[in-house]
């Protein structure tokens, strides 16, 4: 399969997934969204297996890793600032917002622990 066809098929899979999730949200039936995600994953896997051209090389993997790291760091910082803001202004905010801020703080801690574990694992492995 040529890389141009591969790209077109990926866009079609993503578009179908967006439409199916929008329908699931509109009709309030989450099973449609779940089925669409599963079908999209299966189709993407089949598409990857049928492709014969090189899609990913070292440069693309390095760019992808740097983009993921930067995105993770920025989202973590923004979430930490938001969580800290809800903790500092908890007297002026509704109770459900303070609760969500606390939950977000716990997720930040879990994400940092997970990052440290993966960093330790990959530093030993590579």
PDB file of N, CA and C in Angstrom:
ATOM      1  N   UNK A   1       0.846  -1.168   0.000  1.00  0.00           N
ATOM      2  CA  UNK A   1       0.000   0.000   0.000  1.00  0.00           C
ATOM      3  C   UNK A   1       0.899   1.242   0.000  1.00  0.00           C
ATOM      4  N   UNK A   2       0.534   2.207  -0.792  1.00  0.00           N
ATOM      5  CA  UNK A   2       1.300   3.438  -0.869  1.00  0.00           C
ATOM      6  C   UNK A   2       0.993   4.324   0.330  1.00  0.00           C
ATOM      7  N   UNK A   3       1.947   5.188   0.645  1.00  0.00           N
ATOM      8  CA  UNK A   3       1.814   6.056   1.806  1.00  0.00           C
ATOM      9  C   UNK A   3       0.647   7.034   1.637  1.00  0.00           C
ATOM     10  N   UNK A   4       0.355   7.449   0.405  1.00  0.00           N
ATOM     11  CA  UNK A   4      -0.759   8.380   0.191  1.00  0.00           C
ATOM     12  C   UNK A   4      -2.095   7.702   0.497  1.00  0.00           C
ATOM     13  N   UNK A   5      -2.253   6.449   0.063  1.00  0.00           N
ATOM     14  CA  UNK A   5      -3.474   5.707   0.378  1.00  0.00           C
ATOM     15  C   UNK A   5      -3.573   5.458   1.879  1.00  0.00           C
ATOM     16  N   UNK A   6      -2.443   5.143   2.490  1.00  0.00           N
ATOM     17  CA  UNK A   6      -2.412   4.916   3.926  1.00  0.00           C
ATOM     18  C   UNK A   6      -2.903   6.156   4.684  1.00  0.00           C
ATOM     19  N   UNK A   7      -2.443   7.311   4.285  1.00  0.00           N
ATOM     20  CA  UNK A   7      -2.856   8.559   4.940  1.00  0.00           C
ATOM     21  C   UNK A   7      -4.345   8.828   4.733  1.00  0.00           C
ATOM     22  N   UNK A   8      -4.832   8.581   3.542  1.00  0.00           N
ATOM     23  CA  UNK A   8      -6.258   8.797   3.260  1.00  0.00           C
ATOM     24  C   UNK A   8      -7.108   7.858   4.102  1.00  0.00           C
ATOM     25  N   UNK A   9      -6.720   6.604   4.203  1.00  0.00           N
ATOM     26  CA  UNK A   9      -7.472   5.643   5.007  1.00  0.00           C
ATOM     27  C   UNK A   9      -7.473   6.020   6.492  1.00  0.00           C
ATOM     28  N   UNK A  10      -6.339   6.523   6.974  1.00  0.00           N
ATOM     29  CA  UNK A  10      -6.289   6.966   8.375  1.00  0.00           C
ATOM     30  C   UNK A  10      -7.244   8.121   8.626  1.00  0.00           C
ATOM     31  N   UNK A  11      -7.302   9.057   7.684  1.00  0.00           N
ATOM     32  CA  UNK A  11      -8.226  10.193   7.818  1.00  0.00           C
ATOM     33  C   UNK A  11      -9.672   9.700   7.777  1.00  0.00           C
ATOM     34  N   UNK A  12      -9.966   8.751   6.906  1.00  0.00           N
ATOM     35  CA  UNK A  12     -11.325   8.204   6.840  1.00  0.00           C
ATOM     36  C   UNK A  12     -11.714   7.484   8.131  1.00  0.00           C
ATOM     37  N   UNK A  13     -10.787   6.730   8.701  1.00  0.00           N
ATOM     38  CA  UNK A  13     -11.057   6.050   9.974  1.00  0.00           C
ATOM     39  C   UNK A  13     -11.318   7.080  11.068  1.00  0.00           C
ATOM     40  N   UNK A  14     -10.487   8.118  11.125  1.00  0.00           N
ATOM     41  CA  UNK A  14     -10.669   9.158  12.144  1.00  0.00           C
ATOM     42  C   UNK A  14     -11.990   9.893  11.937  1.00  0.00           C
ATOM     43  N   UNK A  15     -12.330  10.197  10.697  1.00  0.00           N
ATOM     44  CA  UNK A  15     -13.600  10.869  10.417  1.00  0.00           C
ATOM     45  C   UNK A  15     -14.798  10.015  10.799  1.00  0.00           C
ATOM     46  N   UNK A  16     -14.742   8.730  10.480  1.00  0.00           N
ATOM     47  CA  UNK A  16     -15.818   7.823  10.879  1.00  0.00           C
ATOM     48  C   UNK A  16     -15.950   7.730  12.385  1.00  0.00           C
ATOM     49  N   UNK A  17     -14.820   7.721  13.068  1.00  0.00           N
ATOM     50  CA  UNK A  17     -14.847   7.672  14.530  1.00  0.00           C
ATOM     51  C   UNK A  17     -15.474   8.936  15.104  1.00  0.00           C
ATOM     52  N   UNK A  18     -15.117  10.091  14.547  1.00  0.00           N
ATOM     53  CA  UNK A  18     -15.698  11.358  15.019  1.00  0.00           C
ATOM     54  C   UNK A  18     -17.206  11.367  14.813  1.00  0.00           C
ATOM     55  N   UNK A  19     -17.651  10.922  13.659  1.00  0.00           N
ATOM     56  CA  UNK A  19     -19.093  10.897  13.379  1.00  0.00           C
ATOM     57  C   UNK A  19     -19.814   9.937  14.323  1.00  0.00           C
ATOM     58  N   UNK A  20     -19.247   8.754  14.536  1.00  0.00           N
ATOM     59  CA  UNK A  20     -19.884   7.771  15.418  1.00  0.00           C
ATOM     60  C   UNK A  20     -19.950   8.272  16.861  1.00  0.00           C
ATOM     61  N   UNK A  21     -18.890   8.902  17.334  1.00  0.00           N
ATOM     62  CA  UNK A  21     -18.910   9.433  18.708  1.00  0.00           C
ATOM     63  C   UNK A  21     -19.906  10.580  18.816  1.00  0.00           C
ATOM     64  N   UNK A  22     -19.988  11.421  17.784  1.00  0.00           N
ATOM     65  CA  UNK A  22     -20.977  12.511  17.808  1.00  0.00           C
ATOM     66  C   UNK A  22     -22.397  11.954  17.848  1.00  0.00           C
ATOM     67  N   UNK A  23     -22.653  10.917  17.086  1.00  0.00           N
ATOM     68  CA  UNK A  23     -23.979  10.280  17.119  1.00  0.00           C
ATOM     69  C   UNK A  23     -24.234   9.671  18.489  1.00  0.00           C
ATOM     70  N   UNK A  24     -23.228   9.041  19.071  1.00  0.00           N
ATOM     71  CA  UNK A  24     -23.382   8.438  20.397  1.00  0.00           C
ATOM     72  C   UNK A  24     -23.684   9.489  21.448  1.00  0.00           C
ATOM     73  N   UNK A  25     -23.035  10.625  21.355  1.00  0.00           N
ATOM     74  CA  UNK A  25     -23.299  11.699  22.316  1.00  0.00           C
ATOM     75  C   UNK A  25     -24.688  12.282  22.088  1.00  0.00           C
ATOM     76  N   UNK A  26     -25.050  12.466  20.814  1.00  0.00           N
ATOM     77  CA  UNK A  26     -26.359  13.027  20.498  1.00  0.00           C
ATOM     78  C   UNK A  26     -27.512  12.137  20.910  1.00  0.00           C
ATOM     79  N   UNK A  27     -27.347  10.830  20.785  1.00  0.00           N
ATOM     80  CA  UNK A  27     -28.421   9.901  21.142  1.00  0.00           C
ATOM     81  C   UNK A  27     -28.292   9.352  22.556  1.00  0.00           C
ATOM     82  N   UNK A  28     -27.214   9.741  23.235  1.00  0.00           N
ATOM     83  CA  UNK A  28     -26.966   9.306  24.608  1.00  0.00           C
ATOM     84  C   UNK A  28     -26.865   7.779  24.712  1.00  0.00           C
ATOM     85  N   UNK A  29     -26.137   7.189  23.761  1.00  0.00           N
ATOM     86  CA  UNK A  29     -25.897   5.748  23.766  1.00  0.00           C
ATOM     87  C   UNK A  29     -24.387   5.504  23.703  1.00  0.00           C
ATOM     88  N   UNK A  30     -23.769   5.307  24.857  1.00  0.00           N
ATOM     89  CA  UNK A  30     -22.312   5.151  24.876  1.00  0.00           C
ATOM     90  C   UNK A  30     -21.819   3.868  24.218  1.00  0.00           C
ATOM     91  N   UNK A  31     -22.685   2.888  24.026  1.00  0.00           N
ATOM     92  CA  UNK A  31     -22.246   1.640  23.392  1.00  0.00           C
ATOM     93  C   UNK A  31     -21.825   1.878  21.951  1.00  0.00           C
ATOM     94  N   UNK A  32     -22.446   2.865  21.296  1.00  0.00           N
ATOM     95  CA  UNK A  32     -22.058   3.195  19.918  1.00  0.00           C
ATOM     96  C   UNK A  32     -20.627   3.721  19.899  1.00  0.00           C
ATOM     97  N   UNK A  33     -20.311   4.598  20.839  1.00  0.00           N
ATOM     98  CA  UNK A  33     -18.956   5.164  20.901  1.00  0.00           C
ATOM     99  C   UNK A  33     -17.940   4.067  21.211  1.00  0.00           C
ATOM    100  N   UNK A  34     -18.262   3.194  22.130  1.00  0.00           N
ATOM    101  CA  UNK A  34     -17.346   2.102  22.473  1.00  0.00           C
ATOM    102  C   UNK A  34     -17.111   1.180  21.282  1.00  0.00           C
ATOM    103  N   UNK A  35     -18.196   0.826  20.586  1.00  0.00           N
ATOM    104  CA  UNK A  35     -18.064  -0.030  19.403  1.00  0.00           C
ATOM    105  C   UNK A  35     -17.258   0.670  18.315  1.00  0.00           C
ATOM    106  N   UNK A  36     -17.475   1.969  18.138  1.00  0.00           N
ATOM    107  CA  UNK A  36     -16.745   2.717  17.109  1.00  0.00           C
ATOM    108  C   UNK A  36     -15.255   2.779  17.423  1.00  0.00           C
ATOM    109  N   UNK A  37     -14.926   2.955  18.677  1.00  0.00           N
ATOM    110  CA  UNK A  37     -13.509   2.989  19.064  1.00  0.00           C
ATOM    111  C   UNK A  37     -12.865   1.628  18.810  1.00  0.00           C
ATOM    112  N   UNK A  38     -13.545   0.572  19.183  1.00  0.00           N
ATOM    113  CA  UNK A  38     -13.001  -0.772  18.944  1.00  0.00           C
ATOM    114  C   UNK A  38     -12.818  -1.050  17.457  1.00  0.00           C
ATOM    115  N   UNK A  39     -13.808  -0.682  16.641  1.00  0.00           N
ATOM    116  CA  UNK A  39     -13.704  -0.887  15.196  1.00  0.00           C
ATOM    117  C   UNK A  39     -12.566  -0.053  14.624  1.00  0.00           C
ATOM    118  N   UNK A  40     -12.424   1.193  15.087  1.00  0.00           N
ATOM    119  CA  UNK A  40     -11.339   2.056  14.602  1.00  0.00           C
ATOM    120  C   UNK A  40      -9.971   1.480  14.965  1.00  0.00           C
ATOM    121  N   UNK A  41      -9.842   0.943  16.172  1.00  0.00           N
ATOM    122  CA  UNK A  41      -8.567   0.334  16.572  1.00  0.00           C
ATOM    123  C   UNK A  41      -8.254  -0.878  15.704  1.00  0.00           C
ATOM    124  N   UNK A  42      -9.238  -1.711  15.451  1.00  0.00           N
ATOM    125  CA  UNK A  42      -9.034  -2.900  14.620  1.00  0.00           C
ATOM    126  C   UNK A  42      -8.672  -2.502  13.193  1.00  0.00           C
ATOM    127  N   UNK A  43      -9.400  -1.524  12.633  1.00  0.00           N
ATOM    128  CA  UNK A  43      -9.095  -1.075  11.280  1.00  0.00           C
ATOM    129  C   UNK A  43      -7.701  -0.452  11.182  1.00  0.00           C
ATOM    130  N   UNK A  44      -7.332   0.318  12.193  1.00  0.00           N
ATOM    131  CA  UNK A  44      -5.997   0.925  12.192  1.00  0.00           C
ATOM    132  C   UNK A  44      -4.915  -0.152  12.276  1.00  0.00           C
ATOM    133  N   UNK A  45      -5.158  -1.177  13.064  1.00  0.00           N
ATOM    134  CA  UNK A  45      -4.195  -2.273  13.177  1.00  0.00           C
ATOM    135  C   UNK A  45      -4.050  -3.006  11.844  1.00  0.00           C
ATOM    136  N   UNK A  46      -5.172  -3.289  11.203  1.00  0.00           N
ATOM    137  CA  UNK A  46      -5.133  -3.961   9.902  1.00  0.00           C
ATOM    138  C   UNK A  46      -4.425  -3.078   8.871  1.00  0.00           C
ATOM    139  N   UNK A  47      -4.702  -1.796   8.908  1.00  0.00           N
ATOM    140  CA  UNK A  47      -4.076  -0.858   7.987  1.00  0.00           C
ATOM    141  C   UNK A  47      -2.564  -0.819   8.179  1.00  0.00           C
ATOM    142  N   UNK A  48      -2.121  -0.830   9.427  1.00  0.00           N
ATOM    143  CA  UNK A  48      -0.681  -0.848   9.716  1.00  0.00           C
ATOM    144  C   UNK A  48      -0.028  -2.119   9.189  1.00  0.00           C
ATOM    145  N   UNK A  49      -0.704  -3.233   9.335  1.00  0.00           N
ATOM    146  CA  UNK A  49      -0.133  -4.523   8.908  1.00  0.00           C
ATOM    147  C   UNK A  49      -0.024  -4.628   7.387  1.00  0.00           C
ATOM    148  N   UNK A  50      -0.961  -4.003   6.680  1.00  0.00           N
ATOM    149  CA  UNK A  50      -0.949  -4.088   5.215  1.00  0.00           C
ATOM    150  C   UNK A  50       0.011  -3.098   4.568  1.00  0.00           C
ATOM    151  N   UNK A  51       0.436  -2.122   5.308  1.00  0.00           N
ATOM    152  CA  UNK A  51       1.328  -1.125   4.748  1.00  0.00           C
ATOM    153  C   UNK A  51       2.721  -1.709   4.581  1.00  0.00           C
ATOM    154  N   UNK A  52       3.326  -1.467   3.442  1.00  0.00           N
ATOM    155  CA  UNK A  52       4.650  -1.997   3.151  1.00  0.00           C
ATOM    156  C   UNK A  52       5.735  -0.927   3.201  1.00  0.00           C
ATOM    157  N   UNK A  53       5.346   0.337   3.147  1.00  0.00           N
ATOM    158  CA  UNK A  53       6.336   1.410   3.139  1.00  0.00           C
ATOM    159  C   UNK A  53       6.715   1.806   4.559  1.00  0.00           C
ATOM    160  N   UNK A  54       7.861   2.452   4.667  1.00  0.00           N
ATOM    161  CA  UNK A  54       8.330   2.918   5.969  1.00  0.00           C
ATOM    162  C   UNK A  54       7.566   4.177   6.345  1.00  0.00           C
ATOM    163  N   UNK A  55       6.906   4.111   7.495  1.00  0.00           N
ATOM    164  CA  UNK A  55       6.125   5.250   7.976  1.00  0.00           C
ATOM    165  C   UNK A  55       6.882   5.969   9.076  1.00  0.00           C
ATOM    166  N   UNK A  56       7.565   5.210   9.882  1.00  0.00           N
ATOM    167  CA  UNK A  56       8.213   5.760  11.063  1.00  0.00           C
ATOM    168  C   UNK A  56       9.697   5.407  11.035  1.00  0.00           C
ATOM    169  N   UNK A  57      10.512   6.441  11.174  1.00  0.00           N
ATOM    170  CA  UNK A  57      11.942   6.209  11.290  1.00  0.00           C
ATOM    171  C   UNK A  57      12.424   6.832  12.600  1.00  0.00           C
ATOM    172  N   UNK A  58      13.728   6.870  12.793  1.00  0.00           N
ATOM    173  CA  UNK A  58      14.266   7.381  14.060  1.00  0.00           C
ATOM    174  C   UNK A  58      13.939   8.850  14.266  1.00  0.00           C
ATOM    175  N   UNK A  59      13.993   9.621  13.189  1.00  0.00           N
ATOM    176  CA  UNK A  59      13.712  11.063  13.291  1.00  0.00           C
ATOM    177  C   UNK A  59      12.265  11.305  13.709  1.00  0.00           C
ATOM    178  N   UNK A  60      11.343  10.604  13.086  1.00  0.00           N
ATOM    179  CA  UNK A  60       9.927  10.781  13.419  1.00  0.00           C
ATOM    180  C   UNK A  60       9.657  10.312  14.843  1.00  0.00           C
ATOM    181  N   UNK A  61      10.298   9.224  15.259  1.00  0.00           N
ATOM    182  CA  UNK A  61      10.132   8.749  16.636  1.00  0.00           C
ATOM    183  C   UNK A  61      10.674   9.764  17.633  1.00  0.00           C
ATOM    184  N   UNK A  62      11.795  10.386  17.318  1.00  0.00           N
ATOM    185  CA  UNK A  62      12.367  11.386  18.214  1.00  0.00           C
ATOM    186  C   UNK A  62      11.490  12.630  18.280  1.00  0.00           C
ATOM    187  N   UNK A  63      10.971  13.078  17.143  1.00  0.00           N
ATOM    188  CA  UNK A  63      10.072  14.233  17.131  1.00  0.00           C
ATOM    189  C   UNK A  63       8.811  13.926  17.912  1.00  0.00           C
ATOM    190  N   UNK A  64       8.262  12.747  17.716  1.00  0.00           N
ATOM    191  CA  UNK A  64       7.055  12.340  18.426  1.00  0.00           C
ATOM    192  C   UNK A  64       7.289  12.283  19.928  1.00  0.00           C
ATOM    193  N   UNK A  65       8.430  11.766  20.337  1.00  0.00           N
ATOM    194  CA  UNK A  65       8.755  11.703  21.756  1.00  0.00           C
ATOM    195  C   UNK A  65       8.899  13.085  22.371  1.00  0.00           C
ATOM    196  N   UNK A  66       9.542  13.998  21.653  1.00  0.00           N
ATOM    197  CA  UNK A  66       9.700  15.359  22.165  1.00  0.00           C
ATOM    198  C   UNK A  66       8.359  16.081  22.239  1.00  0.00           C
ATOM    199  N   UNK A  67       7.509  15.884  21.227  1.00  0.00           N
ATOM    200  CA  UNK A  67       6.183  16.518  21.240  1.00  0.00           C
ATOM    201  C   UNK A  67       5.333  15.970  22.381  1.00  0.00           C
ATOM    202  N   UNK A  68       5.390  14.666  22.601  1.00  0.00           N
ATOM    203  CA  UNK A  68       4.624  14.070  23.694  1.00  0.00           C
ATOM    204  C   UNK A  68       5.128  14.551  25.045  1.00  0.00           C
ATOM    205  N   UNK A  69       6.435  14.647  25.193  1.00  0.00           N
ATOM    206  CA  UNK A  69       7.011  15.118  26.448  1.00  0.00           C
ATOM    207  C   UNK A  69       6.635  16.562  26.726  1.00  0.00           C
ATOM    208  N   UNK A  70       6.718  17.414  25.704  1.00  0.00           N
ATOM    209  CA  UNK A  70       6.350  18.822  25.887  1.00  0.00           C
ATOM    210  C   UNK A  70       4.865  18.956  26.210  1.00  0.00           C
ATOM    211  N   UNK A  71       4.015  18.200  25.521  1.00  0.00           N
ATOM    212  CA  UNK A  71       2.573  18.250  25.791  1.00  0.00           C
ATOM    213  C   UNK A  71       2.262  17.797  27.208  1.00  0.00           C
ATOM    214  N   UNK A  72       2.895  16.700  27.617  1.00  0.00           N
ATOM    215  CA  UNK A  72       2.683  16.180  28.960  1.00  0.00           C
ATOM    216  C   UNK A  72       3.111  17.197  30.012  1.00  0.00           C
ATOM    217  N   UNK A  73       4.290  17.792  29.820  1.00  0.00           N
ATOM    218  CA  UNK A  73       4.784  18.763  30.795  1.00  0.00           C
ATOM    219  C   UNK A  73       3.888  19.989  30.878  1.00  0.00           C
ATOM    220  N   UNK A  74       3.441  20.509  29.757  1.00  0.00           N
ATOM    221  CA  UNK A  74       2.577  21.692  29.760  1.00  0.00           C
ATOM    222  C   UNK A  74       1.234  21.375  30.413  1.00  0.00           C
ATOM    223  N   UNK A  75       0.634  20.241  30.057  1.00  0.00           N
ATOM    224  CA  UNK A  75      -0.661  19.881  30.650  1.00  0.00           C
ATOM    225  C   UNK A  75      -0.528  19.632  32.149  1.00  0.00           C
ATOM    226  N   UNK A  76       0.573  19.035  32.561  1.00  0.00           N
ATOM    227  CA  UNK A  76       0.799  18.779  33.981  1.00  0.00           C
ATOM    228  C   UNK A  76       0.938  20.086  34.751  1.00  0.00           C
ATOM    229  N   UNK A  77       1.675  21.033  34.190  1.00  0.00           N
ATOM    230  CA  UNK A  77       1.835  22.325  34.851  1.00  0.00           C
ATOM    231  C   UNK A  77       0.501  23.060  34.921  1.00  0.00           C
ATOM    232  N   UNK A  78      -0.262  23.083  33.834  1.00  0.00           N
ATOM    233  CA  UNK A  78      -1.564  23.760  33.848  1.00  0.00           C
ATOM    234  C   UNK A  78      -2.525  23.111  34.840  1.00  0.00           C
ATOM    235  N   UNK A  79      -2.534  21.793  34.883  1.00  0.00           N
ATOM    236  CA  UNK A  79      -3.404  21.086  35.821  1.00  0.00           C
ATOM    237  C   UNK A  79      -2.972  21.347  37.262  1.00  0.00           C
ATOM    238  N   UNK A  80      -1.669  21.399  37.508  1.00  0.00           N
ATOM    239  CA  UNK A  80      -1.179  21.678  38.861  1.00  0.00           C
ATOM    240  C   UNK A  80      -1.555  23.088  39.291  1.00  0.00           C
ATOM    241  N   UNK A  81      -1.452  24.056  38.379  1.00  0.00           N
ATOM    242  CA  UNK A  81      -1.839  25.432  38.710  1.00  0.00           C
ATOM    243  C   UNK A  81      -3.340  25.509  38.985  1.00  0.00           C
ATOM    244  N   UNK A  82      -4.137  24.823  38.174  1.00  0.00           N
ATOM    245  CA  UNK A  82      -5.584  24.818  38.395  1.00  0.00           C
ATOM    246  C   UNK A  82      -5.933  24.142  39.717  1.00  0.00           C
ATOM    247  N   UNK A  83      -5.287  23.043  40.029  1.00  0.00           N
ATOM    248  CA  UNK A  83      -5.535  22.349  41.283  1.00  0.00           C
ATOM    249  C   UNK A  83      -5.121  23.201  42.476  1.00  0.00           C
ATOM    250  N   UNK A  84      -3.991  23.856  42.357  1.00  0.00           N
ATOM    251  CA  UNK A  84      -3.535  24.749  43.421  1.00  0.00           C
ATOM    252  C   UNK A  84      -4.492  25.925  43.592  1.00  0.00           C
ATOM    253  N   UNK A  85      -4.986  26.446  42.472  1.00  0.00           N
ATOM    254  CA  UNK A  85      -5.953  27.542  42.541  1.00  0.00           C
ATOM    255  C   UNK A  85      -7.239  27.142  43.243  1.00  0.00           C
ATOM    256  N   UNK A  86      -7.723  25.944  42.976  1.00  0.00           N
ATOM    257  CA  UNK A  86      -8.936  25.490  43.664  1.00  0.00           C
ATOM    258  C   UNK A  86      -8.672  25.260  45.145  1.00  0.00           C
ATOM    259  N   UNK A  87      -7.454  24.827  45.475  1.00  0.00           N
ATOM    260  CA  UNK A  87      -7.126  24.622  46.891  1.00  0.00           C
ATOM    261  C   UNK A  87      -7.005  25.971  47.621  1.00  0.00           C
ATOM    262  N   UNK A  88      -6.419  26.966  46.957  1.00  0.00           N
ATOM    263  CA  UNK A  88      -6.234  28.269  47.601  1.00  0.00           C
ATOM    264  C   UNK A  88      -7.542  29.038  47.763  1.00  0.00           C
ATOM    265  N   UNK A  89      -8.428  28.917  46.782  1.00  0.00           N
ATOM    266  CA  UNK A  89      -9.689  29.666  46.807  1.00  0.00           C
ATOM    267  C   UNK A  89     -10.884  28.763  47.092  1.00  0.00           C
ATOM    268  N   UNK A  90     -10.670  27.735  47.904  1.00  0.00           N
ATOM    269  CA  UNK A  90     -11.745  26.779  48.162  1.00  0.00           C
ATOM    270  C   UNK A  90     -12.918  27.380  48.913  1.00  0.00           C
ATOM    271  N   UNK A  91     -12.706  28.447  49.664  1.00  0.00           N
ATOM    272  CA  UNK A  91     -13.815  29.076  50.396  1.00  0.00           C
ATOM    273  C   UNK A  91     -14.739  29.849  49.468  1.00  0.00           C
ATOM    274  N   UNK A  92     -14.233  30.338  48.352  1.00  0.00           N
ATOM    275  CA  UNK A  92     -15.043  31.120  47.420  1.00  0.00           C
ATOM    276  C   UNK A  92     -15.638  30.281  46.282  1.00  0.00           C
ATOM    277  N   UNK A  93     -15.232  29.039  46.165  1.00  0.00           N
ATOM    278  CA  UNK A  93     -15.679  28.194  45.055  1.00  0.00           C
ATOM    279  C   UNK A  93     -16.739  27.199  45.513  1.00  0.00           C
ATOM    280  N   UNK A  94     -17.583  26.754  44.574  1.00  0.00           N
ATOM    281  CA  UNK A  94     -18.558  25.712  44.923  1.00  0.00           C
ATOM    282  C   UNK A  94     -17.857  24.422  45.343  1.00  0.00           C
ATOM    283  N   UNK A  95     -18.554  23.630  46.124  1.00  0.00           N
ATOM    284  CA  UNK A  95     -17.962  22.410  46.674  1.00  0.00           C
ATOM    285  C   UNK A  95     -17.561  21.410  45.604  1.00  0.00           C
ATOM    286  N   UNK A  96     -18.355  21.296  44.523  1.00  0.00           N
ATOM    287  CA  UNK A  96     -18.014  20.334  43.474  1.00  0.00           C
ATOM    288  C   UNK A  96     -16.758  20.748  42.715  1.00  0.00           C
ATOM    289  N   UNK A  97     -16.498  22.049  42.575  1.00  0.00           N
ATOM    290  CA  UNK A  97     -15.280  22.513  41.913  1.00  0.00           C
ATOM    291  C   UNK A  97     -14.058  22.199  42.786  1.00  0.00           C
ATOM    292  N   UNK A  98     -14.201  22.391  44.090  1.00  0.00           N
ATOM    293  CA  UNK A  98     -13.106  22.075  45.009  1.00  0.00           C
ATOM    294  C   UNK A  98     -12.823  20.578  44.985  1.00  0.00           C
ATOM    295  N   UNK A  99     -13.866  19.769  44.929  1.00  0.00           N
ATOM    296  CA  UNK A  99     -13.702  18.318  44.854  1.00  0.00           C
ATOM    297  C   UNK A  99     -12.966  17.923  43.576  1.00  0.00           C
ATOM    298  N   UNK A 100     -13.372  18.505  42.443  1.00  0.00           N
ATOM    299  CA  UNK A 100     -12.698  18.205  41.181  1.00  0.00           C
ATOM    300  C   UNK A 100     -11.240  18.666  41.206  1.00  0.00           C
ATOM    301  N   UNK A 101     -10.965  19.780  41.853  1.00  0.00           N
ATOM    302  CA  UNK A 101      -9.591  20.246  41.987  1.00  0.00           C
ATOM    303  C   UNK A 101      -8.741  19.279  42.800  1.00  0.00           C
ATOM    304  N   UNK A 102      -9.327  18.730  43.857  1.00  0.00           N
ATOM    305  CA  UNK A 102      -8.596  17.751  44.669  1.00  0.00           C
ATOM    306  C   UNK A 102      -8.343  16.466  43.883  1.00  0.00           C
ATOM    307  N   UNK A 103      -9.335  16.013  43.147  1.00  0.00           N
ATOM    308  CA  UNK A 103      -9.172  14.823  42.320  1.00  0.00           C
ATOM    309  C   UNK A 103      -8.087  15.062  41.271  1.00  0.00           C
ATOM    310  N   UNK A 104      -8.099  16.255  40.675  1.00  0.00           N
ATOM    311  CA  UNK A 104      -7.087  16.594  39.685  1.00  0.00           C
ATOM    312  C   UNK A 104      -5.693  16.576  40.320  1.00  0.00           C
ATOM    313  N   UNK A 105      -5.579  17.038  41.546  1.00  0.00           N
ATOM    314  CA  UNK A 105      -4.300  17.003  42.248  1.00  0.00           C
ATOM    315  C   UNK A 105      -3.804  15.584  42.446  1.00  0.00           C
ATOM    316  N   UNK A 106      -4.719  14.675  42.784  1.00  0.00           N
ATOM    317  CA  UNK A 106      -4.322  13.271  42.931  1.00  0.00           C
ATOM    318  C   UNK A 106      -3.890  12.669  41.593  1.00  0.00           C
ATOM    319  N   UNK A 107      -4.583  13.027  40.513  1.00  0.00           N
ATOM    320  CA  UNK A 107      -4.180  12.540  39.201  1.00  0.00           C
ATOM    321  C   UNK A 107      -2.816  13.083  38.798  1.00  0.00           C
ATOM    322  N   UNK A 108      -2.514  14.312  39.172  1.00  0.00           N
ATOM    323  CA  UNK A 108      -1.201  14.883  38.892  1.00  0.00           C
ATOM    324  C   UNK A 108      -0.122  14.081  39.618  1.00  0.00           C
ATOM    325  N   UNK A 109      -0.370  13.773  40.872  1.00  0.00           N
ATOM    326  CA  UNK A 109       0.591  12.968  41.636  1.00  0.00           C
ATOM    327  C   UNK A 109       0.771  11.589  41.008  1.00  0.00           C
ATOM    328  N   UNK A 110      -0.328  10.968  40.587  1.00  0.00           N
ATOM    329  CA  UNK A 110      -0.239   9.653  39.945  1.00  0.00           C
ATOM    330  C   UNK A 110       0.526   9.745  38.629  1.00  0.00           C
ATOM    331  N   UNK A 111       0.292  10.797  37.862  1.00  0.00           N
ATOM    332  CA  UNK A 111       1.006  10.965  36.592  1.00  0.00           C
ATOM    333  C   UNK A 111       2.500  11.154  36.830  1.00  0.00           C
ATOM    334  N   UNK A 112       2.863  11.915  37.847  1.00  0.00           N
ATOM    335  CA  UNK A 112       4.283  12.109  38.155  1.00  0.00           C
ATOM    336  C   UNK A 112       4.939  10.812  38.614  1.00  0.00           C
ATOM    337  N   UNK A 113       4.244  10.038  39.438  1.00  0.00           N
ATOM    338  CA  UNK A 113       4.787   8.750  39.863  1.00  0.00           C
ATOM    339  C   UNK A 113       4.957   7.802  38.682  1.00  0.00           C
ATOM    340  N   UNK A 114       3.969   7.784  37.809  1.00  0.00           N
ATOM    341  CA  UNK A 114       4.050   6.939  36.618  1.00  0.00           C
ATOM    342  C   UNK A 114       5.201   7.379  35.725  1.00  0.00           C
ATOM    343  N   UNK A 115       5.382   8.677  35.571  1.00  0.00           N
ATOM    344  CA  UNK A 115       6.492   9.202  34.778  1.00  0.00           C
ATOM    345  C   UNK A 115       7.830   8.776  35.379  1.00  0.00           C
ATOM    346  N   UNK A 116       7.959   8.891  36.684  1.00  0.00           N
ATOM    347  CA  UNK A 116       9.214   8.513  37.335  1.00  0.00           C
ATOM    348  C   UNK A 116       9.487   7.017  37.184  1.00  0.00           C
ATOM    349  N   UNK A 117       8.450   6.198  37.282  1.00  0.00           N
ATOM    350  CA  UNK A 117       8.629   4.752  37.122  1.00  0.00           C
ATOM    351  C   UNK A 117       9.067   4.412  35.702  1.00  0.00           C
ATOM    352  N   UNK A 118       8.403   4.996  34.703  1.00  0.00           N
ATOM    353  CA  UNK A 118       8.796   4.737  33.323  1.00  0.00           C
ATOM    354  C   UNK A 118      10.184   5.280  33.021  1.00  0.00           C
ATOM    355  N   UNK A 119      10.525   6.418  33.596  1.00  0.00           N
ATOM    356  CA  UNK A 119      11.852   6.986  33.385  1.00  0.00           C
ATOM    357  C   UNK A 119      12.926   6.050  33.948  1.00  0.00           C
ATOM    358  N   UNK A 120      12.678   5.539  35.141  1.00  0.00           N
ATOM    359  CA  UNK A 120      13.635   4.601  35.751  1.00  0.00           C
ATOM    360  C   UNK A 120      13.734   3.323  34.928  1.00  0.00           C
ATOM    361  N   UNK A 121      12.604   2.823  34.445  1.00  0.00           N
ATOM    362  CA  UNK A 121      12.598   1.601  33.644  1.00  0.00           C
ATOM    363  C   UNK A 121      13.379   1.797  32.348  1.00  0.00           C
ATOM    364  N   UNK A 122      13.069   2.864  31.627  1.00  0.00           N
ATOM    365  CA  UNK A 122      13.719   3.080  30.337  1.00  0.00           C
ATOM    366  C   UNK A 122      15.179   3.485  30.485  1.00  0.00           C
ATOM    367  N   UNK A 123      15.537   4.134  31.589  1.00  0.00           N
ATOM    368  CA  UNK A 123      16.940   4.483  31.769  1.00  0.00           C
ATOM    369  C   UNK A 123      17.787   3.229  32.007  1.00  0.00           C
ATOM    370  N   UNK A 124      17.200   2.209  32.584  1.00  0.00           N
ATOM    371  CA  UNK A 124      17.924   0.942  32.775  1.00  0.00           C
ATOM    372  C   UNK A 124      17.937   0.127  31.487  1.00  0.00           C
ATOM    373  N   UNK A 125      16.819   0.164  30.765  1.00  0.00           N
ATOM    374  CA  UNK A 125      16.685  -0.670  29.590  1.00  0.00           C
ATOM    375  C   UNK A 125      17.482  -0.131  28.404  1.00  0.00           C
ATOM    376  N   UNK A 126      17.534   1.190  28.240  1.00  0.00           N
ATOM    377  CA  UNK A 126      18.205   1.760  27.049  1.00  0.00           C
ATOM    378  C   UNK A 126      19.636   2.096  27.324  1.00  0.00           C
TER     379      UNK A 126
END
